[in-house]
Protein backbone atom coordinates (compact mmCIF):
# COMPACT_ATOMS: atom_id res chain seq x y z
CA MET A 1 7.50 -2.15 6.84
CA SER A 2 7.05 1.26 5.15
CA SER A 3 9.14 1.96 1.98
CA SER A 4 10.47 4.79 4.49
CA LEU A 5 11.54 3.03 7.25
CA ARG A 6 13.63 0.23 4.95
CA LEU A 7 15.38 3.46 3.17
CA ALA A 8 16.06 4.81 6.81
CA GLN A 9 17.53 1.51 7.71
CA SER A 10 19.56 1.26 5.07
CA LEU A 11 20.86 4.49 5.16
CA LEU A 12 21.73 4.11 9.18
CA ARG A 13 23.54 1.13 8.36
CA GLY A 14 25.75 3.08 5.36
CA GLU A 15 24.74 1.57 2.76
CA ARG A 16 25.76 4.33 -0.23
CA ARG A 17 23.16 3.78 -2.68
CA ALA A 18 20.34 4.31 0.43
CA LEU A 19 22.13 7.72 0.94
CA SER A 20 21.90 8.74 -2.53
CA LYS A 21 18.32 7.89 -2.99
CA ALA A 22 17.53 9.44 0.41
CA ILE A 23 19.05 12.61 -0.81
CA THR A 24 17.07 12.14 -4.24
CA LEU A 25 13.65 11.89 -2.01
CA VAL A 26 14.72 14.95 0.31
CA GLU A 27 15.35 17.04 -2.78
CA SER A 28 12.29 15.98 -4.74
CA THR A 29 9.48 18.52 -4.72
CA ARG A 30 6.48 15.57 -5.34
CA ARG A 31 7.41 13.51 -2.55
CA ARG A 32 7.64 15.55 0.40
CA HIS A 33 5.60 13.49 3.01
CA GLU A 34 7.79 10.52 2.21
CA ALA A 35 10.75 12.65 2.52
CA ASP A 36 9.22 14.16 5.82
CA GLU A 37 9.03 11.04 7.11
CA LEU A 38 12.20 9.72 6.37
CA LEU A 39 13.81 12.53 7.70
CA GLU A 40 11.65 11.97 11.11
CA LEU A 41 12.70 8.35 11.07
CA VAL A 42 16.47 8.81 10.82
CA LEU A 43 16.30 11.89 13.30
CA ARG A 44 14.77 9.19 16.07
CA GLN A 45 17.09 6.30 15.09
CA ARG A 46 20.09 7.72 14.94
CA ASP A 47 22.88 7.59 18.21
CA ALA A 48 24.68 10.59 19.32
CA SER A 49 27.85 9.37 17.60
CA THR A 50 26.52 10.54 14.04
CA ALA A 51 26.14 14.14 15.48
CA CYS A 52 29.60 14.99 16.34
CA GLY A 53 31.15 15.78 12.82
CA LEU A 54 32.43 18.54 11.58
CA ARG A 55 30.80 20.85 8.48
CA VAL A 56 33.22 22.72 6.70
CA GLY A 57 31.69 25.50 4.26
CA ILE A 58 33.87 26.56 1.46
CA SER A 59 32.81 29.53 -0.84
CA GLY A 60 34.71 31.85 -3.48
CA ALA A 61 34.22 33.43 -6.63
CA PRO A 62 34.40 30.84 -9.67
CA GLY A 63 37.81 29.86 -10.40
CA THR A 64 39.22 30.51 -7.25
CA GLY A 65 39.83 26.69 -6.47
CA LYS A 66 37.32 25.76 -4.34
CA SER A 67 37.03 22.20 -5.94
CA THR A 68 40.36 21.82 -5.58
CA LEU A 69 41.19 22.68 -2.03
CA ILE A 70 37.96 20.57 -1.47
CA GLU A 71 39.82 17.36 -3.21
CA SER A 72 43.00 18.10 -1.40
CA LEU A 73 41.33 18.60 1.75
CA GLY A 74 38.93 15.37 1.01
CA MET A 75 42.15 13.45 0.37
CA GLU A 76 43.56 14.33 3.82
CA LEU A 77 40.85 13.97 5.88
CA ILE A 78 40.34 10.02 4.16
CA GLY A 79 43.88 10.02 4.92
CA LYS A 80 43.59 10.05 8.58
CA GLY A 81 40.97 7.75 9.10
CA HIS A 82 37.79 10.13 8.00
CA HIS A 83 34.58 9.31 6.31
CA VAL A 84 34.06 12.61 3.66
CA ALA A 85 30.66 13.85 2.14
CA VAL A 86 30.76 16.68 -0.04
CA MET A 87 27.85 18.67 -1.26
CA ALA A 88 28.81 20.79 -4.30
CA VAL A 89 25.40 23.11 -4.86
CA ASP A 90 25.68 24.15 -8.44
CA PRO A 91 23.90 26.68 -10.92
CA SER A 92 20.72 25.27 -11.68
CA SER A 93 19.54 24.88 -15.71
CA HIS A 94 16.91 27.25 -16.81
CA ARG A 95 15.83 24.05 -18.91
CA SER A 96 16.02 21.06 -16.48
CA GLY A 97 16.24 22.79 -13.13
CA GLY A 98 19.55 20.63 -12.30
CA SER A 99 22.96 20.99 -11.90
CA VAL A 100 25.14 22.53 -14.50
CA LEU A 101 28.89 22.26 -13.59
CA GLY A 102 29.08 18.97 -12.51
CA ASP A 103 31.97 19.64 -9.65
CA LYS A 104 32.04 15.96 -9.22
CA THR A 105 34.40 15.88 -12.45
CA ARG A 106 36.37 17.87 -11.13
CA MET A 107 37.34 15.96 -8.20
CA HIS A 108 38.80 12.83 -9.78
CA LYS A 109 41.02 11.50 -7.07
CA LEU A 110 38.44 12.42 -4.14
CA SER A 111 35.30 10.57 -6.10
CA ALA A 112 37.32 7.18 -7.04
CA GLU A 113 37.76 7.09 -3.13
CA GLN A 114 35.65 4.61 -0.97
CA HIS A 115 35.26 6.59 2.19
CA ALA A 116 34.10 10.04 0.08
CA PHE A 117 30.50 10.58 -1.11
CA ILE A 118 29.86 13.56 -3.46
CA ARG A 119 26.79 14.91 -4.39
CA PRO A 120 26.05 17.64 -6.67
CA SER A 121 23.04 19.59 -5.77
CA PRO A 122 21.05 22.68 -7.78
CA ALA A 123 20.67 25.57 -6.18
CA GLN A 124 17.48 26.10 -7.90
CA GLY A 125 17.17 29.53 -7.53
CA VAL A 126 17.71 29.57 -4.09
CA LEU A 127 19.65 32.57 -2.38
CA GLY A 128 22.32 32.30 0.35
CA GLY A 129 24.73 29.82 -1.81
CA VAL A 130 23.15 26.61 -0.72
CA ALA A 131 19.79 24.29 -2.11
CA ARG A 132 16.78 24.27 -0.21
CA HIS A 133 17.54 20.93 1.53
CA THR A 134 21.61 21.07 2.14
CA GLU A 135 20.56 21.15 6.06
CA ASP A 136 18.57 18.08 5.43
CA VAL A 137 21.26 16.04 3.01
CA ALA A 138 24.11 16.96 5.81
CA LEU A 139 21.86 15.16 8.48
CA LEU A 140 21.42 12.64 5.94
CA CYS A 141 25.47 12.09 5.40
CA GLU A 142 25.78 12.14 8.89
CA SER A 143 23.48 9.48 9.61
CA ALA A 144 25.12 7.29 7.00
CA GLY A 145 28.68 7.41 8.77
CA TYR A 146 29.76 10.66 7.17
CA ASP A 147 31.89 12.67 9.71
CA ARG A 148 33.05 15.56 7.60
CA ILE A 149 30.70 17.16 6.10
CA ILE A 150 32.25 19.84 3.23
CA VAL A 151 29.53 22.29 1.76
CA GLU A 152 30.73 23.90 -1.62
CA THR A 153 28.00 27.05 -2.28
CA VAL A 154 27.35 28.17 -5.60
CA GLY A 155 29.20 31.06 -5.49
CA VAL A 156 29.83 34.17 -3.78
CA GLY A 157 28.41 37.61 -3.96
CA GLN A 158 26.81 39.61 -0.75
CA SER A 159 24.05 36.80 0.03
CA GLU A 160 25.71 33.94 0.07
CA VAL A 161 25.96 33.82 4.03
CA VAL A 162 22.93 30.91 4.50
CA VAL A 163 25.96 28.57 4.54
CA ALA A 164 27.69 29.87 7.67
CA GLY A 165 24.94 28.99 9.77
CA LEU A 166 25.10 25.40 8.75
CA VAL A 167 28.89 24.48 9.16
CA ASP A 168 30.94 24.71 11.93
CA LEU A 169 33.71 26.25 10.18
CA PHE A 170 33.61 28.73 6.83
CA ILE A 171 36.26 29.13 4.29
CA LEU A 172 36.28 31.80 1.92
CA LEU A 173 38.44 31.48 -0.93
CA ILE A 174 39.77 34.89 -2.57
CA PRO A 175 42.03 34.90 -5.48
CA PRO A 176 45.39 36.77 -5.64
CA ALA A 177 45.41 40.23 -6.90
CA VAL A 178 46.61 40.73 -10.35
């Protein structure tokens, strides 16, 4: 049995560690063939019920309270029996290429919840407010049993519109006028 097949089966059973490994594989630039194989296996094996969740995109200028809103919304959804995955797209380090903000640390309560999964992903220079593989990561999260997917964009400007095509509901936070 191939490693991609084992990973896909673990992912479809809802194993958090498998989800983390799958996301790392999909976001990797070195193992594209394995990532494509994994995505194909997941698409073939998942059942129709994993695709009937809700995807929400949240954007806004820095400091508008995106992470605060996501934590409150996530806790409310978990309280109603949902499984919540948050993809926090962060600015990238010029040195390492990784995330620099670590939005996960700002969602203390939500990150401690058993039915929540938070994954920061570096934008790596991709325009549109999302990372290169955000749509693939959403698919993996849904396949692992998360029925509410929240995508926090890297920020807002005139080009952060790609997320609107990936989600069912798009929320733009605007700070109050001073």
